[in-house]
């Protein structure tokens, strides 16, 4: 099976889009109509690029401790972030260090990065990786 033959069903409000090629190596794929594939550990999902926190919202919540929100902070988050999925991602995972959007996973050894940003970081540093084998 080649990468050309590999397709993934797209979940979208655009009824004319039913499948999109999946870039196994890159972890996400941008289609012509602006949809972006985000790879998660259990299922691949599509998010619209426009579902993002505005700079104004980011400035208001950037210093919050997402795991220890006060009642006032929680109330402000509920008002500012209207998309339930994005709100839950923020409350569970905080903000990505790179793109400043709600993170897609837990904070790890290398910091708090969402999967698209992590994918880009790993691709950029791939030439520096080694298996440690000198055979």
C-alpha atoms as a PDB file:
ATOM      1  CA  UNK A   1       0.000   0.000   0.000  1.00  0.00           C
ATOM      2  CA  UNK A   2       1.387   3.401  -0.942  1.00  0.00           C
ATOM      3  CA  UNK A   3       0.729   6.711   0.749  1.00  0.00           C
ATOM      4  CA  UNK A   4      -1.312   7.741  -2.295  1.00  0.00           C
ATOM      5  CA  UNK A   5      -3.753   4.920  -1.631  1.00  0.00           C
ATOM      6  CA  UNK A   6      -4.117   5.732   2.044  1.00  0.00           C
ATOM      7  CA  UNK A   7      -7.175   7.905   2.709  1.00  0.00           C
ATOM      8  CA  UNK A   8      -8.988   9.030   5.778  1.00  0.00           C
ATOM      9  CA  UNK A   9     -12.640   9.928   6.030  1.00  0.00           C
ATOM     10  CA  UNK A  10     -13.068  13.592   6.797  1.00  0.00           C
ATOM     11  CA  UNK A  11     -15.600  14.691   9.378  1.00  0.00           C
ATOM     12  CA  UNK A  12     -16.675  18.115   8.247  1.00  0.00           C
ATOM     13  CA  UNK A  13     -19.628  20.385   7.659  1.00  0.00           C
ATOM     14  CA  UNK A  14     -18.616  20.554   3.993  1.00  0.00           C
ATOM     15  CA  UNK A  15     -20.681  17.770   2.421  1.00  0.00           C
ATOM     16  CA  UNK A  16     -18.663  17.830  -0.820  1.00  0.00           C
ATOM     17  CA  UNK A  17     -15.496  16.719   1.016  1.00  0.00           C
ATOM     18  CA  UNK A  18     -15.569  13.046   1.945  1.00  0.00           C
ATOM     19  CA  UNK A  19     -11.957  11.856   1.937  1.00  0.00           C
ATOM     20  CA  UNK A  20      -8.520  13.405   2.042  1.00  0.00           C
ATOM     21  CA  UNK A  21      -5.054  11.908   1.555  1.00  0.00           C
ATOM     22  CA  UNK A  22      -3.316  11.335   4.862  1.00  0.00           C
ATOM     23  CA  UNK A  23       0.333  12.297   5.171  1.00  0.00           C
ATOM     24  CA  UNK A  24       1.719   9.550   7.436  1.00  0.00           C
ATOM     25  CA  UNK A  25       5.086  11.277   7.767  1.00  0.00           C
ATOM     26  CA  UNK A  26       3.883  14.766   8.617  1.00  0.00           C
ATOM     27  CA  UNK A  27       1.110  14.003  11.088  1.00  0.00           C
ATOM     28  CA  UNK A  28      -1.234  16.571   9.591  1.00  0.00           C
ATOM     29  CA  UNK A  29      -2.416  17.554   6.158  1.00  0.00           C
ATOM     30  CA  UNK A  30      -3.773  20.886   4.957  1.00  0.00           C
ATOM     31  CA  UNK A  31      -6.427  20.562   2.272  1.00  0.00           C
ATOM     32  CA  UNK A  32      -7.396  23.115  -0.347  1.00  0.00           C
ATOM     33  CA  UNK A  33     -10.381  24.367   1.619  1.00  0.00           C
ATOM     34  CA  UNK A  34      -8.360  25.048   4.780  1.00  0.00           C
ATOM     35  CA  UNK A  35      -9.173  21.973   6.849  1.00  0.00           C
ATOM     36  CA  UNK A  36      -6.349  20.678   8.995  1.00  0.00           C
ATOM     37  CA  UNK A  37      -5.889  17.111  10.180  1.00  0.00           C
ATOM     38  CA  UNK A  38      -4.645  16.777  13.742  1.00  0.00           C
ATOM     39  CA  UNK A  39      -3.378  13.348  14.719  1.00  0.00           C
ATOM     40  CA  UNK A  40      -4.321  12.235  18.221  1.00  0.00           C
ATOM     41  CA  UNK A  41      -3.383   9.055  20.047  1.00  0.00           C
ATOM     42  CA  UNK A  42      -6.776   7.414  19.539  1.00  0.00           C
ATOM     43  CA  UNK A  43      -8.468   9.005  16.556  1.00  0.00           C
ATOM     44  CA  UNK A  44      -7.626  11.449  13.786  1.00  0.00           C
ATOM     45  CA  UNK A  45      -9.894  14.477  13.793  1.00  0.00           C
ATOM     46  CA  UNK A  46     -10.398  17.549  11.652  1.00  0.00           C
ATOM     47  CA  UNK A  47     -10.485  21.018  13.140  1.00  0.00           C
ATOM     48  CA  UNK A  48     -11.248  24.178  11.229  1.00  0.00           C
ATOM     49  CA  UNK A  49      -8.334  26.623  11.240  1.00  0.00           C
ATOM     50  CA  UNK A  50     -10.623  29.446  12.345  1.00  0.00           C
ATOM     51  CA  UNK A  51     -11.474  27.725  15.658  1.00  0.00           C
ATOM     52  CA  UNK A  52      -8.663  29.337  17.603  1.00  0.00           C
ATOM     53  CA  UNK A  53      -8.295  31.577  20.594  1.00  0.00           C
ATOM     54  CA  UNK A  54      -8.078  35.241  19.658  1.00  0.00           C
ATOM     55  CA  UNK A  55      -5.098  37.302  20.801  1.00  0.00           C
ATOM     56  CA  UNK A  56      -7.438  39.133  23.189  1.00  0.00           C
ATOM     57  CA  UNK A  57      -8.586  35.884  24.834  1.00  0.00           C
ATOM     58  CA  UNK A  58      -5.009  34.593  25.000  1.00  0.00           C
ATOM     59  CA  UNK A  59      -3.839  37.785  26.753  1.00  0.00           C
ATOM     60  CA  UNK A  60      -6.571  37.403  29.377  1.00  0.00           C
ATOM     61  CA  UNK A  61      -5.836  33.749  30.228  1.00  0.00           C
ATOM     62  CA  UNK A  62      -2.107  33.290  29.511  1.00  0.00           C
ATOM     63  CA  UNK A  63      -1.079  33.518  33.182  1.00  0.00           C
ATOM     64  CA  UNK A  64      -3.821  31.232  34.521  1.00  0.00           C
ATOM     65  CA  UNK A  65      -2.840  27.879  36.008  1.00  0.00           C
ATOM     66  CA  UNK A  66      -5.211  25.698  33.961  1.00  0.00           C
ATOM     67  CA  UNK A  67      -5.277  22.914  36.572  1.00  0.00           C
ATOM     68  CA  UNK A  68      -5.954  25.281  39.492  1.00  0.00           C
ATOM     69  CA  UNK A  69      -8.428  27.845  38.189  1.00  0.00           C
ATOM     70  CA  UNK A  70     -10.187  30.050  40.716  1.00  0.00           C
ATOM     71  CA  UNK A  71     -13.970  30.354  40.474  1.00  0.00           C
ATOM     72  CA  UNK A  72     -13.537  33.802  38.884  1.00  0.00           C
ATOM     73  CA  UNK A  73     -11.049  32.440  36.328  1.00  0.00           C
ATOM     74  CA  UNK A  74     -13.328  29.484  35.580  1.00  0.00           C
ATOM     75  CA  UNK A  75     -16.235  31.866  35.000  1.00  0.00           C
ATOM     76  CA  UNK A  76     -14.113  34.047  32.695  1.00  0.00           C
ATOM     77  CA  UNK A  77     -12.957  30.971  30.729  1.00  0.00           C
ATOM     78  CA  UNK A  78     -16.588  29.902  30.314  1.00  0.00           C
ATOM     79  CA  UNK A  79     -17.454  33.345  28.898  1.00  0.00           C
ATOM     80  CA  UNK A  80     -14.378  33.752  26.680  1.00  0.00           C
ATOM     81  CA  UNK A  81     -14.100  30.263  25.154  1.00  0.00           C
ATOM     82  CA  UNK A  82     -17.450  29.342  23.639  1.00  0.00           C
ATOM     83  CA  UNK A  83     -16.338  26.205  21.762  1.00  0.00           C
ATOM     84  CA  UNK A  84     -16.762  23.343  24.272  1.00  0.00           C
ATOM     85  CA  UNK A  85     -14.017  21.128  22.803  1.00  0.00           C
ATOM     86  CA  UNK A  86     -11.458  23.956  22.838  1.00  0.00           C
ATOM     87  CA  UNK A  87     -12.507  24.920  26.380  1.00  0.00           C
ATOM     88  CA  UNK A  88     -12.065  21.347  27.646  1.00  0.00           C
ATOM     89  CA  UNK A  89      -8.671  21.045  25.918  1.00  0.00           C
ATOM     90  CA  UNK A  90      -7.553  24.246  27.629  1.00  0.00           C
ATOM     91  CA  UNK A  91      -8.787  23.134  31.066  1.00  0.00           C
ATOM     92  CA  UNK A  92      -7.154  19.716  30.704  1.00  0.00           C
ATOM     93  CA  UNK A  93      -3.902  20.587  28.921  1.00  0.00           C
ATOM     94  CA  UNK A  94      -3.236  24.335  29.117  1.00  0.00           C
ATOM     95  CA  UNK A  95      -1.739  26.339  26.249  1.00  0.00           C
ATOM     96  CA  UNK A  96       0.858  25.272  23.676  1.00  0.00           C
ATOM     97  CA  UNK A  97       4.217  27.031  24.205  1.00  0.00           C
ATOM     98  CA  UNK A  98       4.597  27.653  20.461  1.00  0.00           C
ATOM     99  CA  UNK A  99       1.228  28.550  18.893  1.00  0.00           C
ATOM    100  CA  UNK A 100      -0.476  29.724  22.136  1.00  0.00           C
ATOM    101  CA  UNK A 101      -3.577  27.645  21.399  1.00  0.00           C
ATOM    102  CA  UNK A 102      -5.115  25.041  23.730  1.00  0.00           C
ATOM    103  CA  UNK A 103      -2.766  22.092  23.910  1.00  0.00           C
ATOM    104  CA  UNK A 104      -3.688  18.708  22.438  1.00  0.00           C
ATOM    105  CA  UNK A 105      -1.829  16.623  25.026  1.00  0.00           C
ATOM    106  CA  UNK A 106      -0.232  16.628  28.442  1.00  0.00           C
ATOM    107  CA  UNK A 107       2.925  18.547  29.332  1.00  0.00           C
ATOM    108  CA  UNK A 108       5.898  16.308  28.764  1.00  0.00           C
ATOM    109  CA  UNK A 109       9.648  16.355  29.279  1.00  0.00           C
ATOM    110  CA  UNK A 110      10.153  18.745  26.351  1.00  0.00           C
ATOM    111  CA  UNK A 111       7.532  21.248  27.495  1.00  0.00           C
ATOM    112  CA  UNK A 112       3.949  21.836  26.579  1.00  0.00           C
ATOM    113  CA  UNK A 113       3.462  21.665  22.807  1.00  0.00           C
ATOM    114  CA  UNK A 114       0.402  20.704  20.784  1.00  0.00           C
ATOM    115  CA  UNK A 115       0.773  17.809  18.347  1.00  0.00           C
ATOM    116  CA  UNK A 116       1.050  19.950  15.173  1.00  0.00           C
ATOM    117  CA  UNK A 117       3.804  22.065  16.785  1.00  0.00           C
ATOM    118  CA  UNK A 118       5.553  18.959  18.139  1.00  0.00           C
ATOM    119  CA  UNK A 119       5.400  17.365  14.689  1.00  0.00           C
ATOM    120  CA  UNK A 120       7.034  20.442  13.151  1.00  0.00           C
ATOM    121  CA  UNK A 121       9.727  20.544  15.884  1.00  0.00           C
ATOM    122  CA  UNK A 122      10.583  16.882  15.367  1.00  0.00           C
ATOM    123  CA  UNK A 123      10.712  17.269  11.579  1.00  0.00           C
ATOM    124  CA  UNK A 124      13.056  20.252  11.901  1.00  0.00           C
ATOM    125  CA  UNK A 125      15.364  18.368  14.296  1.00  0.00           C
ATOM    126  CA  UNK A 126      15.170  14.952  12.592  1.00  0.00           C
ATOM    127  CA  UNK A 127      18.648  15.273  11.064  1.00  0.00           C
ATOM    128  CA  UNK A 128      20.085  15.511  14.608  1.00  0.00           C
ATOM    129  CA  UNK A 129      18.522  12.249  15.764  1.00  0.00           C
ATOM    130  CA  UNK A 130      20.618   9.113  16.117  1.00  0.00           C
ATOM    131  CA  UNK A 131      19.835   5.590  17.199  1.00  0.00           C
ATOM    132  CA  UNK A 132      23.050   5.429  19.200  1.00  0.00           C
ATOM    133  CA  UNK A 133      24.149   2.381  17.196  1.00  0.00           C
ATOM    134  CA  UNK A 134      27.594   2.750  15.684  1.00  0.00           C
ATOM    135  CA  UNK A 135      27.483  -0.476  13.622  1.00  0.00           C
END
